[in-house]
């Protein structure tokens, strides 16, 4: 087994330099210029946010962690992901089975079957959206991380090694100047040669790394196009989903009309027994103390609710009110209300 003592010594020397720098003990560290430091920081942000963006988009496309893990394993094993039905297709299948069990000739069974068929269409639309988003957004970002960003990380690591070698050569040169006069000229020339070589290697690697950092501008431009494609895919998917649901609602037209007739009859019956005769403006905030009461806010407008068998007496300490928007009802102390005029 061959063991290169010189290479091992170099590695130990670099490790010692790196440790001293981290501990703040190094004094002759070669510094990068401010512009280059900004480029390095920008590269770090690019890597961090590209990874996070890809992860979050992946979560949106496949919220189920177990499903994502299964797809990842199959990809690593170079196997195609099974064409499993998604949640919309599963719901659609369940509705169709329930409708057939209740009977396609019944109103409820027929409605379930129709709803199931349209939910299966929603499932297909979602699969198309996932496929489009993966090809136009996920794959380019992951290719960037696995390709360009990985190469840049490698070159940055090489640059750090070259910098450590340069600092070591500078330190060696500095020590040779402080040694006594017995040091040979050959040793001094050797340190000069080593320093020039280390400087040249560092400068070459610095320029190469700078060029790769400059290339991130093109990457950002490409990622912007990918982002536009993702938004277009989302717009197309949601537009298609709305159209499917609109068609489903039209299919439910007759059933909806009959249901509305029943609801209207019930509402009419309720209106005969309970009416909103007046409105009131809340003077002060009031917090309900039980489920019979209603919490209200100052300046809020509410409807006053009284039964046919009751009258809005000025002697009543409590008044039943209703929020017009949410239809929440409850009692509020009369002192907290300013009774408005009759409703038209």
C-alpha atoms as a PDB file:
ATOM      1  CA  UNK A   1       0.000   0.000   0.000  1.00  0.00           C
ATOM      2  CA  UNK A   2       1.521   3.300  -1.113  1.00  0.00           C
ATOM      3  CA  UNK A   3       1.342   6.161   1.321  1.00  0.00           C
ATOM      4  CA  UNK A   4       2.325   9.626   0.174  1.00  0.00           C
ATOM      5  CA  UNK A   5       3.834  11.375   3.187  1.00  0.00           C
ATOM      6  CA  UNK A   6       4.018  14.703   1.364  1.00  0.00           C
ATOM      7  CA  UNK A   7       0.315  14.615   0.472  1.00  0.00           C
ATOM      8  CA  UNK A   8      -0.580  13.632   4.031  1.00  0.00           C
ATOM      9  CA  UNK A   9       1.516  16.481   5.375  1.00  0.00           C
ATOM     10  CA  UNK A  10      -0.220  18.924   3.050  1.00  0.00           C
ATOM     11  CA  UNK A  11      -3.640  17.763   4.221  1.00  0.00           C
ATOM     12  CA  UNK A  12      -2.641  18.143   7.852  1.00  0.00           C
ATOM     13  CA  UNK A  13      -1.262  21.597   7.159  1.00  0.00           C
ATOM     14  CA  UNK A  14      -4.508  22.676   5.480  1.00  0.00           C
ATOM     15  CA  UNK A  15      -6.568  21.279   8.326  1.00  0.00           C
ATOM     16  CA  UNK A  16      -4.425  23.157  10.838  1.00  0.00           C
ATOM     17  CA  UNK A  17      -4.787  26.427   8.874  1.00  0.00           C
ATOM     18  CA  UNK A  18      -8.534  25.995   8.543  1.00  0.00           C
ATOM     19  CA  UNK A  19      -8.931  25.308  12.268  1.00  0.00           C
ATOM     20  CA  UNK A  20      -6.831  28.344  13.190  1.00  0.00           C
ATOM     21  CA  UNK A  21      -8.969  30.542  10.929  1.00  0.00           C
ATOM     22  CA  UNK A  22     -12.169  29.295  12.527  1.00  0.00           C
ATOM     23  CA  UNK A  23     -10.709  29.976  15.961  1.00  0.00           C
ATOM     24  CA  UNK A  24      -9.595  33.451  14.902  1.00  0.00           C
ATOM     25  CA  UNK A  25      -5.913  32.641  15.329  1.00  0.00           C
ATOM     26  CA  UNK A  26      -4.885  33.146  11.681  1.00  0.00           C
ATOM     27  CA  UNK A  27      -3.454  36.587  10.938  1.00  0.00           C
ATOM     28  CA  UNK A  28      -2.287  36.363   7.312  1.00  0.00           C
ATOM     29  CA  UNK A  29      -5.422  35.028   5.664  1.00  0.00           C
ATOM     30  CA  UNK A  30      -5.833  35.970   1.998  1.00  0.00           C
ATOM     31  CA  UNK A  31      -9.100  37.908   1.726  1.00  0.00           C
ATOM     32  CA  UNK A  32     -11.420  38.056  -1.265  1.00  0.00           C
ATOM     33  CA  UNK A  33     -12.542  41.426  -2.580  1.00  0.00           C
ATOM     34  CA  UNK A  34     -15.931  42.788  -1.529  1.00  0.00           C
ATOM     35  CA  UNK A  35     -17.584  42.124  -4.882  1.00  0.00           C
ATOM     36  CA  UNK A  36     -16.492  38.492  -4.841  1.00  0.00           C
ATOM     37  CA  UNK A  37     -17.785  38.046  -1.285  1.00  0.00           C
ATOM     38  CA  UNK A  38     -21.163  39.395  -2.399  1.00  0.00           C
ATOM     39  CA  UNK A  39     -21.193  36.931  -5.286  1.00  0.00           C
ATOM     40  CA  UNK A  40     -20.486  34.059  -2.879  1.00  0.00           C
ATOM     41  CA  UNK A  41     -23.292  35.175  -0.560  1.00  0.00           C
ATOM     42  CA  UNK A  42     -25.667  35.416  -3.531  1.00  0.00           C
ATOM     43  CA  UNK A  43     -24.749  31.877  -4.568  1.00  0.00           C
ATOM     44  CA  UNK A  44     -25.508  30.633  -1.051  1.00  0.00           C
ATOM     45  CA  UNK A  45     -28.924  32.327  -1.127  1.00  0.00           C
ATOM     46  CA  UNK A  46     -29.622  30.897  -4.557  1.00  0.00           C
ATOM     47  CA  UNK A  47     -28.886  27.366  -3.392  1.00  0.00           C
ATOM     48  CA  UNK A  48     -30.893  27.752  -0.181  1.00  0.00           C
ATOM     49  CA  UNK A  49     -34.028  29.215  -1.775  1.00  0.00           C
ATOM     50  CA  UNK A  50     -33.965  26.973  -4.830  1.00  0.00           C
ATOM     51  CA  UNK A  51     -33.978  23.945  -2.536  1.00  0.00           C
ATOM     52  CA  UNK A  52     -36.804  25.388  -0.437  1.00  0.00           C
ATOM     53  CA  UNK A  53     -38.889  26.413  -3.455  1.00  0.00           C
ATOM     54  CA  UNK A  54     -38.538  22.987  -5.036  1.00  0.00           C
ATOM     55  CA  UNK A  55     -39.481  21.331  -1.744  1.00  0.00           C
ATOM     56  CA  UNK A  56     -42.597  23.449  -1.219  1.00  0.00           C
ATOM     57  CA  UNK A  57     -43.818  23.073  -4.801  1.00  0.00           C
ATOM     58  CA  UNK A  58     -43.322  19.327  -4.466  1.00  0.00           C
ATOM     59  CA  UNK A  59     -45.479  19.400  -1.321  1.00  0.00           C
ATOM     60  CA  UNK A  60     -48.233  21.240  -3.204  1.00  0.00           C
ATOM     61  CA  UNK A  61     -48.125  18.743  -6.079  1.00  0.00           C
ATOM     62  CA  UNK A  62     -48.122  15.755  -3.711  1.00  0.00           C
ATOM     63  CA  UNK A  63     -49.263  16.656  -0.173  1.00  0.00           C
ATOM     64  CA  UNK A  64     -49.059  13.037   1.020  1.00  0.00           C
ATOM     65  CA  UNK A  65     -45.623  12.467   2.551  1.00  0.00           C
ATOM     66  CA  UNK A  66     -45.831   8.680   2.160  1.00  0.00           C
ATOM     67  CA  UNK A  67     -46.673   9.006  -1.533  1.00  0.00           C
ATOM     68  CA  UNK A  68     -43.717  11.371  -2.055  1.00  0.00           C
ATOM     69  CA  UNK A  69     -41.414   8.932  -0.289  1.00  0.00           C
ATOM     70  CA  UNK A  70     -42.649   6.046  -2.428  1.00  0.00           C
ATOM     71  CA  UNK A  71     -42.118   8.047  -5.628  1.00  0.00           C
ATOM     72  CA  UNK A  72     -38.614   8.999  -4.456  1.00  0.00           C
ATOM     73  CA  UNK A  73     -37.686   5.366  -3.769  1.00  0.00           C
ATOM     74  CA  UNK A  74     -39.053   4.177  -7.110  1.00  0.00           C
ATOM     75  CA  UNK A  75     -37.099   6.921  -8.863  1.00  0.00           C
ATOM     76  CA  UNK A  76     -33.891   5.870  -7.116  1.00  0.00           C
ATOM     77  CA  UNK A  77     -34.556   2.256  -8.114  1.00  0.00           C
ATOM     78  CA  UNK A  78     -35.046   3.410 -11.713  1.00  0.00           C
ATOM     79  CA  UNK A  79     -38.627   2.153 -11.759  1.00  0.00           C
ATOM     80  CA  UNK A  80     -41.652   3.958 -13.121  1.00  0.00           C
ATOM     81  CA  UNK A  81     -44.054   5.359 -10.566  1.00  0.00           C
ATOM     82  CA  UNK A  82     -47.254   3.368 -10.421  1.00  0.00           C
ATOM     83  CA  UNK A  83     -50.180   5.157 -12.063  1.00  0.00           C
ATOM     84  CA  UNK A  84     -52.231   5.283  -8.886  1.00  0.00           C
ATOM     85  CA  UNK A  85     -55.548   7.151  -8.742  1.00  0.00           C
ATOM     86  CA  UNK A  86     -55.265  10.452  -6.920  1.00  0.00           C
ATOM     87  CA  UNK A  87     -57.648  11.666  -4.219  1.00  0.00           C
ATOM     88  CA  UNK A  88     -60.130  13.140  -6.735  1.00  0.00           C
ATOM     89  CA  UNK A  89     -60.269   9.904  -8.709  1.00  0.00           C
ATOM     90  CA  UNK A  90     -60.658   7.887  -5.504  1.00  0.00           C
ATOM     91  CA  UNK A  91     -63.535  10.121  -4.403  1.00  0.00           C
ATOM     92  CA  UNK A  92     -65.123   9.830  -7.839  1.00  0.00           C
ATOM     93  CA  UNK A  93     -64.859   6.042  -7.764  1.00  0.00           C
ATOM     94  CA  UNK A  94     -66.413   5.963  -4.291  1.00  0.00           C
ATOM     95  CA  UNK A  95     -69.327   8.146  -5.429  1.00  0.00           C
ATOM     96  CA  UNK A  96     -69.965   5.980  -8.481  1.00  0.00           C
ATOM     97  CA  UNK A  97     -69.977   2.802  -6.392  1.00  0.00           C
ATOM     98  CA  UNK A  98     -72.338   4.381  -3.844  1.00  0.00           C
ATOM     99  CA  UNK A  99     -74.657   5.613  -6.616  1.00  0.00           C
ATOM    100  CA  UNK A 100     -74.824   2.182  -8.221  1.00  0.00           C
ATOM    101  CA  UNK A 101     -75.569   0.633  -4.846  1.00  0.00           C
ATOM    102  CA  UNK A 102     -78.422   3.073  -4.124  1.00  0.00           C
ATOM    103  CA  UNK A 103     -79.653   2.557  -7.664  1.00  0.00           C
ATOM    104  CA  UNK A 104     -78.976   4.603 -10.835  1.00  0.00           C
ATOM    105  CA  UNK A 105     -82.722   5.054 -11.256  1.00  0.00           C
ATOM    106  CA  UNK A 106     -83.059   6.887  -7.943  1.00  0.00           C
ATOM    107  CA  UNK A 107     -82.516  10.636  -7.768  1.00  0.00           C
ATOM    108  CA  UNK A 108     -79.761  10.357  -5.160  1.00  0.00           C
ATOM    109  CA  UNK A 109     -78.046   7.415  -6.840  1.00  0.00           C
ATOM    110  CA  UNK A 110     -78.062   9.117 -10.237  1.00  0.00           C
ATOM    111  CA  UNK A 111     -76.662  12.337  -8.715  1.00  0.00           C
ATOM    112  CA  UNK A 112     -73.862  10.415  -6.993  1.00  0.00           C
ATOM    113  CA  UNK A 113     -72.862   8.713 -10.239  1.00  0.00           C
ATOM    114  CA  UNK A 114     -72.788  12.018 -12.139  1.00  0.00           C
ATOM    115  CA  UNK A 115     -70.783  13.664  -9.365  1.00  0.00           C
ATOM    116  CA  UNK A 116     -68.358  10.742  -9.301  1.00  0.00           C
ATOM    117  CA  UNK A 117     -67.777  10.899 -13.045  1.00  0.00           C
ATOM    118  CA  UNK A 118     -66.991  14.615 -12.893  1.00  0.00           C
ATOM    119  CA  UNK A 119     -64.648  14.135  -9.940  1.00  0.00           C
ATOM    120  CA  UNK A 120     -62.754  11.580 -11.973  1.00  0.00           C
ATOM    121  CA  UNK A 121     -62.376  14.298 -14.610  1.00  0.00           C
ATOM    122  CA  UNK A 122     -61.018  16.573 -11.879  1.00  0.00           C
ATOM    123  CA  UNK A 123     -58.513  13.861 -11.027  1.00  0.00           C
ATOM    124  CA  UNK A 124     -57.286  13.675 -14.623  1.00  0.00           C
ATOM    125  CA  UNK A 125     -56.977  17.468 -14.752  1.00  0.00           C
ATOM    126  CA  UNK A 126     -54.895  17.406 -11.577  1.00  0.00           C
ATOM    127  CA  UNK A 127     -52.610  14.723 -13.009  1.00  0.00           C
ATOM    128  CA  UNK A 128     -52.037  16.872 -16.092  1.00  0.00           C
ATOM    129  CA  UNK A 129     -51.235  19.820 -13.830  1.00  0.00           C
ATOM    130  CA  UNK A 130     -48.738  17.775 -11.831  1.00  0.00           C
ATOM    131  CA  UNK A 131     -47.046  16.462 -14.984  1.00  0.00           C
ATOM    132  CA  UNK A 132     -46.815  19.958 -16.482  1.00  0.00           C
ATOM    133  CA  UNK A 133     -45.456  21.495 -13.267  1.00  0.00           C
ATOM    134  CA  UNK A 134     -42.848  18.778 -12.807  1.00  0.00           C
ATOM    135  CA  UNK A 135     -41.524  19.105 -16.356  1.00  0.00           C
ATOM    136  CA  UNK A 136     -41.596  22.904 -16.532  1.00  0.00           C
ATOM    137  CA  UNK A 137     -40.536  23.819 -12.972  1.00  0.00           C
ATOM    138  CA  UNK A 138     -39.403  20.963 -10.739  1.00  0.00           C
ATOM    139  CA  UNK A 139     -37.053  19.218 -13.157  1.00  0.00           C
ATOM    140  CA  UNK A 140     -35.204  22.404 -14.261  1.00  0.00           C
ATOM    141  CA  UNK A 141     -34.641  23.475 -10.648  1.00  0.00           C
ATOM    142  CA  UNK A 142     -33.452  20.052  -9.562  1.00  0.00           C
ATOM    143  CA  UNK A 143     -31.202  19.809 -12.643  1.00  0.00           C
ATOM    144  CA  UNK A 144     -29.708  23.154 -11.655  1.00  0.00           C
ATOM    145  CA  UNK A 145     -29.037  21.946  -8.107  1.00  0.00           C
ATOM    146  CA  UNK A 146     -27.581  18.623  -9.257  1.00  0.00           C
ATOM    147  CA  UNK A 147     -25.565  20.148 -12.080  1.00  0.00           C
ATOM    148  CA  UNK A 148     -24.491  23.788 -12.052  1.00  0.00           C
ATOM    149  CA  UNK A 149     -24.805  24.336  -8.304  1.00  0.00           C
ATOM    150  CA  UNK A 150     -22.974  21.112  -7.474  1.00  0.00           C
ATOM    151  CA  UNK A 151     -20.144  22.070  -9.861  1.00  0.00           C
ATOM    152  CA  UNK A 152     -19.965  25.536  -8.349  1.00  0.00           C
ATOM    153  CA  UNK A 153     -19.756  24.050  -4.851  1.00  0.00           C
ATOM    154  CA  UNK A 154     -16.897  21.838  -6.009  1.00  0.00           C
ATOM    155  CA  UNK A 155     -15.004  24.777  -7.532  1.00  0.00           C
ATOM    156  CA  UNK A 156     -15.513  26.848  -4.383  1.00  0.00           C
ATOM    157  CA  UNK A 157     -14.072  24.010  -2.343  1.00  0.00           C
ATOM    158  CA  UNK A 158     -11.081  23.844  -4.689  1.00  0.00           C
ATOM    159  CA  UNK A 159     -10.656  27.610  -4.380  1.00  0.00           C
ATOM    160  CA  UNK A 160     -10.480  27.325  -0.597  1.00  0.00           C
ATOM    161  CA  UNK A 161      -7.769  24.668  -0.948  1.00  0.00           C
ATOM    162  CA  UNK A 162      -5.786  26.918  -3.295  1.00  0.00           C
ATOM    163  CA  UNK A 163      -6.166  29.798  -0.860  1.00  0.00           C
ATOM    164  CA  UNK A 164      -4.910  27.679   2.021  1.00  0.00           C
ATOM    165  CA  UNK A 165      -1.932  26.602  -0.103  1.00  0.00           C
ATOM    166  CA  UNK A 166      -1.208  30.231  -0.993  1.00  0.00           C
ATOM    167  CA  UNK A 167      -1.359  31.301   2.661  1.00  0.00           C
ATOM    168  CA  UNK A 168       0.963  28.423   3.584  1.00  0.00           C
ATOM    169  CA  UNK A 169       3.440  29.495   0.870  1.00  0.00           C
ATOM    170  CA  UNK A 170       3.308  33.094   2.112  1.00  0.00           C
ATOM    171  CA  UNK A 171       3.932  31.941   5.663  1.00  0.00           C
ATOM    172  CA  UNK A 172       6.868  29.808   4.529  1.00  0.00           C
ATOM    173  CA  UNK A 173       8.349  32.718   2.582  1.00  0.00           C
ATOM    174  CA  UNK A 174       7.958  34.995   5.572  1.00  0.00           C
ATOM    175  CA  UNK A 175       9.749  32.525   7.842  1.00  0.00           C
ATOM    176  CA  UNK A 176      12.616  32.147   5.350  1.00  0.00           C
ATOM    177  CA  UNK A 177      13.256  35.891   5.553  1.00  0.00           C
ATOM    178  CA  UNK A 178      13.487  35.826   9.332  1.00  0.00           C
ATOM    179  CA  UNK A 179      15.867  32.875   9.569  1.00  0.00           C
ATOM    180  CA  UNK A 180      19.592  33.397  10.240  1.00  0.00           C
ATOM    181  CA  UNK A 181      22.098  34.021   7.500  1.00  0.00           C
ATOM    182  CA  UNK A 182      23.081  30.338   7.347  1.00  0.00           C
ATOM    183  CA  UNK A 183      19.963  29.527   5.332  1.00  0.00           C
ATOM    184  CA  UNK A 184      20.923  28.605   1.848  1.00  0.00           C
ATOM    185  CA  UNK A 185      20.052  30.652  -1.191  1.00  0.00           C
ATOM    186  CA  UNK A 186      18.588  27.515  -2.757  1.00  0.00           C
ATOM    187  CA  UNK A 187      16.007  27.233   0.039  1.00  0.00           C
ATOM    188  CA  UNK A 188      15.074  30.885  -0.407  1.00  0.00           C
ATOM    189  CA  UNK A 189      14.680  30.398  -4.148  1.00  0.00           C
ATOM    190  CA  UNK A 190      12.552  27.316  -3.494  1.00  0.00           C
ATOM    191  CA  UNK A 191      10.152  29.264  -1.298  1.00  0.00           C
ATOM    192  CA  UNK A 192       9.922  32.000  -3.959  1.00  0.00           C
ATOM    193  CA  UNK A 193       9.129  29.420  -6.628  1.00  0.00           C
ATOM    194  CA  UNK A 194       6.542  27.760  -4.398  1.00  0.00           C
ATOM    195  CA  UNK A 195       4.890  31.099  -3.653  1.00  0.00           C
ATOM    196  CA  UNK A 196       4.698  32.064  -7.335  1.00  0.00           C
ATOM    197  CA  UNK A 197       3.209  28.699  -8.195  1.00  0.00           C
ATOM    198  CA  UNK A 198       0.646  28.893  -5.370  1.00  0.00           C
ATOM    199  CA  UNK A 199      -0.284  32.445  -6.388  1.00  0.00           C
ATOM    200  CA  UNK A 200      -0.776  31.406 -10.009  1.00  0.00           C
ATOM    201  CA  UNK A 201      -2.910  28.406  -9.007  1.00  0.00           C
ATOM    202  CA  UNK A 202      -5.024  30.580  -6.706  1.00  0.00           C
ATOM    203  CA  UNK A 203      -5.524  33.308  -9.334  1.00  0.00           C
ATOM    204  CA  UNK A 204      -6.545  30.767 -11.959  1.00  0.00           C
ATOM    205  CA  UNK A 205      -9.035  29.082  -9.651  1.00  0.00           C
ATOM    206  CA  UNK A 206     -10.368  32.439  -8.473  1.00  0.00           C
ATOM    207  CA  UNK A 207     -11.102  33.484 -12.048  1.00  0.00           C
ATOM    208  CA  UNK A 208     -12.783  30.162 -12.828  1.00  0.00           C
ATOM    209  CA  UNK A 209     -14.992  30.414  -9.741  1.00  0.00           C
ATOM    210  CA  UNK A 210     -15.852  34.040 -10.563  1.00  0.00           C
ATOM    211  CA  UNK A 211     -16.991  33.021 -14.059  1.00  0.00           C
ATOM    212  CA  UNK A 212     -19.249  30.337 -12.605  1.00  0.00           C
ATOM    213  CA  UNK A 213     -20.696  32.803 -10.111  1.00  0.00           C
ATOM    214  CA  UNK A 214     -21.412  35.222 -12.967  1.00  0.00           C
ATOM    215  CA  UNK A 215     -23.344  32.413 -14.641  1.00  0.00           C
ATOM    216  CA  UNK A 216     -25.939  32.535 -11.868  1.00  0.00           C
ATOM    217  CA  UNK A 217     -27.480  35.544 -13.611  1.00  0.00           C
ATOM    218  CA  UNK A 218     -28.435  33.286 -16.524  1.00  0.00           C
ATOM    219  CA  UNK A 219     -29.736  30.696 -14.087  1.00  0.00           C
ATOM    220  CA  UNK A 220     -31.996  33.243 -12.412  1.00  0.00           C
ATOM    221  CA  UNK A 221     -33.341  34.268 -15.822  1.00  0.00           C
ATOM    222  CA  UNK A 222     -34.077  30.639 -16.638  1.00  0.00           C
ATOM    223  CA  UNK A 223     -35.743  30.095 -13.254  1.00  0.00           C
ATOM    224  CA  UNK A 224     -37.930  33.136 -13.928  1.00  0.00           C
ATOM    225  CA  UNK A 225     -39.164  31.503 -17.130  1.00  0.00           C
ATOM    226  CA  UNK A 226     -39.818  28.305 -15.179  1.00  0.00           C
ATOM    227  CA  UNK A 227     -41.810  30.299 -12.639  1.00  0.00           C
ATOM    228  CA  UNK A 228     -43.919  31.801 -15.423  1.00  0.00           C
ATOM    229  CA  UNK A 229     -44.553  28.299 -16.766  1.00  0.00           C
ATOM    230  CA  UNK A 230     -45.631  27.139 -13.308  1.00  0.00           C
ATOM    231  CA  UNK A 231     -48.148  29.972 -13.009  1.00  0.00           C
ATOM    232  CA  UNK A 232     -49.485  29.196 -16.495  1.00  0.00           C
ATOM    233  CA  UNK A 233     -49.931  25.556 -15.475  1.00  0.00           C
ATOM    234  CA  UNK A 234     -51.804  26.623 -12.345  1.00  0.00           C
ATOM    235  CA  UNK A 235     -54.067  28.970 -14.311  1.00  0.00           C
ATOM    236  CA  UNK A 236     -54.832  26.261 -16.857  1.00  0.00           C
ATOM    237  CA  UNK A 237     -55.546  23.698 -14.139  1.00  0.00           C
ATOM    238  CA  UNK A 238     -57.861  25.927 -12.108  1.00  0.00           C
ATOM    239  CA  UNK A 239     -59.650  27.164 -15.225  1.00  0.00           C
ATOM    240  CA  UNK A 240     -60.224  23.566 -16.328  1.00  0.00           C
ATOM    241  CA  UNK A 241     -61.375  22.592 -12.825  1.00  0.00           C
ATOM    242  CA  UNK A 242     -63.876  25.464 -12.706  1.00  0.00           C
ATOM    243  CA  UNK A 243     -65.249  24.465 -16.106  1.00  0.00           C
ATOM    244  CA  UNK A 244     -65.675  20.844 -14.956  1.00  0.00           C
ATOM    245  CA  UNK A 245     -67.500  21.962 -11.821  1.00  0.00           C
ATOM    246  CA  UNK A 246     -69.678  24.392 -13.806  1.00  0.00           C
ATOM    247  CA  UNK A 247     -70.689  21.530 -16.104  1.00  0.00           C
ATOM    248  CA  UNK A 248     -71.450  19.412 -13.054  1.00  0.00           C
ATOM    249  CA  UNK A 249     -73.623  22.156 -11.623  1.00  0.00           C
ATOM    250  CA  UNK A 250     -75.566  22.357 -14.887  1.00  0.00           C
ATOM    251  CA  UNK A 251     -76.101  18.591 -14.718  1.00  0.00           C
ATOM    252  CA  UNK A 252     -77.581  19.140 -11.259  1.00  0.00           C
ATOM    253  CA  UNK A 253     -79.937  21.831 -12.574  1.00  0.00           C
ATOM    254  CA  UNK A 254     -83.249  19.969 -12.200  1.00  0.00           C
ATOM    255  CA  UNK A 255     -82.381  18.494  -8.839  1.00  0.00           C
ATOM    256  CA  UNK A 256     -81.209  21.882  -7.670  1.00  0.00           C
ATOM    257  CA  UNK A 257     -84.498  23.489  -8.719  1.00  0.00           C
ATOM    258  CA  UNK A 258     -86.555  20.990  -6.782  1.00  0.00           C
ATOM    259  CA  UNK A 259     -84.324  21.380  -3.752  1.00  0.00           C
ATOM    260  CA  UNK A 260     -84.615  25.156  -4.026  1.00  0.00           C
ATOM    261  CA  UNK A 261     -88.417  24.879  -4.131  1.00  0.00           C
ATOM    262  CA  UNK A 262     -88.398  22.876  -0.923  1.00  0.00           C
ATOM    263  CA  UNK A 263     -85.991  25.318   0.698  1.00  0.00           C
ATOM    264  CA  UNK A 264     -88.109  28.274  -0.410  1.00  0.00           C
ATOM    265  CA  UNK A 265     -91.235  26.722   1.079  1.00  0.00           C
ATOM    266  CA  UNK A 266     -89.444  26.148   4.365  1.00  0.00           C
ATOM    267  CA  UNK A 267     -88.092  29.685   4.370  1.00  0.00           C
ATOM    268  CA  UNK A 268     -91.551  31.080   3.662  1.00  0.00           C
ATOM    269  CA  UNK A 269     -93.000  29.130   6.567  1.00  0.00           C
ATOM    270  CA  UNK A 270     -90.242  30.371   8.844  1.00  0.00           C
ATOM    271  CA  UNK A 271     -90.751  33.956   7.704  1.00  0.00           C
ATOM    272  CA  UNK A 272     -94.386  33.832   8.793  1.00  0.00           C
ATOM    273  CA  UNK A 273     -93.465  32.980  12.366  1.00  0.00           C
ATOM    274  CA  UNK A 274     -90.264  34.972  12.752  1.00  0.00           C
ATOM    275  CA  UNK A 275     -89.519  38.397  11.266  1.00  0.00           C
ATOM    276  CA  UNK A 276     -86.732  40.940  11.312  1.00  0.00           C
ATOM    277  CA  UNK A 277     -88.843  44.034  11.987  1.00  0.00           C
ATOM    278  CA  UNK A 278     -86.203  46.577  12.825  1.00  0.00           C
ATOM    279  CA  UNK A 279     -82.470  47.165  12.902  1.00  0.00           C
ATOM    280  CA  UNK A 280     -80.364  48.382  15.802  1.00  0.00           C
ATOM    281  CA  UNK A 281     -76.901  49.890  16.155  1.00  0.00           C
ATOM    282  CA  UNK A 282     -74.720  48.527  18.932  1.00  0.00           C
ATOM    283  CA  UNK A 283     -73.585  51.232  21.355  1.00  0.00           C
ATOM    284  CA  UNK A 284     -70.910  49.280  23.256  1.00  0.00           C
ATOM    285  CA  UNK A 285     -69.046  45.974  22.935  1.00  0.00           C
ATOM    286  CA  UNK A 286     -70.841  43.099  24.651  1.00  0.00           C
ATOM    287  CA  UNK A 287     -69.428  39.630  25.432  1.00  0.00           C
ATOM    288  CA  UNK A 288     -71.970  36.814  25.647  1.00  0.00           C
ATOM    289  CA  UNK A 289     -72.049  34.905  28.947  1.00  0.00           C
ATOM    290  CA  UNK A 290     -73.904  31.803  27.639  1.00  0.00           C
ATOM    291  CA  UNK A 291     -75.080  30.209  24.390  1.00  0.00           C
ATOM    292  CA  UNK A 292     -78.417  32.091  24.516  1.00  0.00           C
ATOM    293  CA  UNK A 293     -76.617  35.431  24.160  1.00  0.00           C
ATOM    294  CA  UNK A 294     -74.673  36.973  21.266  1.00  0.00           C
ATOM    295  CA  UNK A 295     -71.348  38.830  21.435  1.00  0.00           C
ATOM    296  CA  UNK A 296     -71.509  42.106  19.487  1.00  0.00           C
ATOM    297  CA  UNK A 297     -69.168  45.007  18.738  1.00  0.00           C
ATOM    298  CA  UNK A 298     -69.758  48.711  19.027  1.00  0.00           C
ATOM    299  CA  UNK A 299     -71.144  50.405  15.854  1.00  0.00           C
ATOM    300  CA  UNK A 300     -72.255  47.015  14.484  1.00  0.00           C
ATOM    301  CA  UNK A 301     -75.692  46.950  12.816  1.00  0.00           C
ATOM    302  CA  UNK A 302     -77.943  43.985  13.694  1.00  0.00           C
ATOM    303  CA  UNK A 303     -81.508  42.921  12.931  1.00  0.00           C
ATOM    304  CA  UNK A 304     -84.020  42.808  15.770  1.00  0.00           C
ATOM    305  CA  UNK A 305     -85.873  39.474  15.880  1.00  0.00           C
ATOM    306  CA  UNK A 306     -89.280  39.153  17.572  1.00  0.00           C
ATOM    307  CA  UNK A 307     -91.955  36.449  17.285  1.00  0.00           C
ATOM    308  CA  UNK A 308     -95.500  37.107  16.128  1.00  0.00           C
ATOM    309  CA  UNK A 309     -96.676  36.526  19.681  1.00  0.00           C
ATOM    310  CA  UNK A 310     -94.288  39.140  21.091  1.00  0.00           C
ATOM    311  CA  UNK A 311     -93.986  42.901  20.878  1.00  0.00           C
ATOM    312  CA  UNK A 312     -90.936  45.126  21.033  1.00  0.00           C
ATOM    313  CA  UNK A 313     -91.687  46.498  24.468  1.00  0.00           C
ATOM    314  CA  UNK A 314     -89.766  49.449  25.830  1.00  0.00           C
ATOM    315  CA  UNK A 315     -89.750  47.626  29.164  1.00  0.00           C
ATOM    316  CA  UNK A 316     -87.776  44.611  27.818  1.00  0.00           C
ATOM    317  CA  UNK A 317     -84.307  44.301  29.344  1.00  0.00           C
ATOM    318  CA  UNK A 318     -83.107  41.884  26.633  1.00  0.00           C
ATOM    319  CA  UNK A 319     -83.612  41.860  22.869  1.00  0.00           C
ATOM    320  CA  UNK A 320     -82.978  38.988  20.417  1.00  0.00           C
ATOM    321  CA  UNK A 321     -80.850  40.144  17.488  1.00  0.00           C
ATOM    322  CA  UNK A 322     -79.386  38.592  14.347  1.00  0.00           C
ATOM    323  CA  UNK A 323     -76.268  39.377  12.321  1.00  0.00           C
ATOM    324  CA  UNK A 324     -77.404  39.997   8.705  1.00  0.00           C
ATOM    325  CA  UNK A 325     -74.324  38.398   7.151  1.00  0.00           C
ATOM    326  CA  UNK A 326     -73.810  35.250   9.261  1.00  0.00           C
ATOM    327  CA  UNK A 327     -77.384  34.829  10.593  1.00  0.00           C
ATOM    328  CA  UNK A 328     -76.013  34.331  14.116  1.00  0.00           C
ATOM    329  CA  UNK A 329     -78.692  34.971  16.743  1.00  0.00           C
ATOM    330  CA  UNK A 330     -78.718  35.660  20.450  1.00  0.00           C
ATOM    331  CA  UNK A 331     -79.892  37.977  23.179  1.00  0.00           C
ATOM    332  CA  UNK A 332     -78.244  41.336  23.931  1.00  0.00           C
ATOM    333  CA  UNK A 333     -79.075  43.770  26.779  1.00  0.00           C
ATOM    334  CA  UNK A 334     -81.381  46.527  25.515  1.00  0.00           C
ATOM    335  CA  UNK A 335     -79.140  49.180  27.084  1.00  0.00           C
ATOM    336  CA  UNK A 336     -76.382  48.204  24.620  1.00  0.00           C
ATOM    337  CA  UNK A 337     -78.578  48.919  21.571  1.00  0.00           C
ATOM    338  CA  UNK A 338     -79.881  51.962  19.762  1.00  0.00           C
ATOM    339  CA  UNK A 339     -83.141  50.997  17.999  1.00  0.00           C
ATOM    340  CA  UNK A 340     -83.234  52.278  14.416  1.00  0.00           C
ATOM    341  CA  UNK A 341     -86.241  53.033  12.232  1.00  0.00           C
ATOM    342  CA  UNK A 342     -88.566  50.381  10.770  1.00  0.00           C
ATOM    343  CA  UNK A 343     -87.217  48.425   7.796  1.00  0.00           C
ATOM    344  CA  UNK A 344     -88.815  49.299   4.469  1.00  0.00           C
END
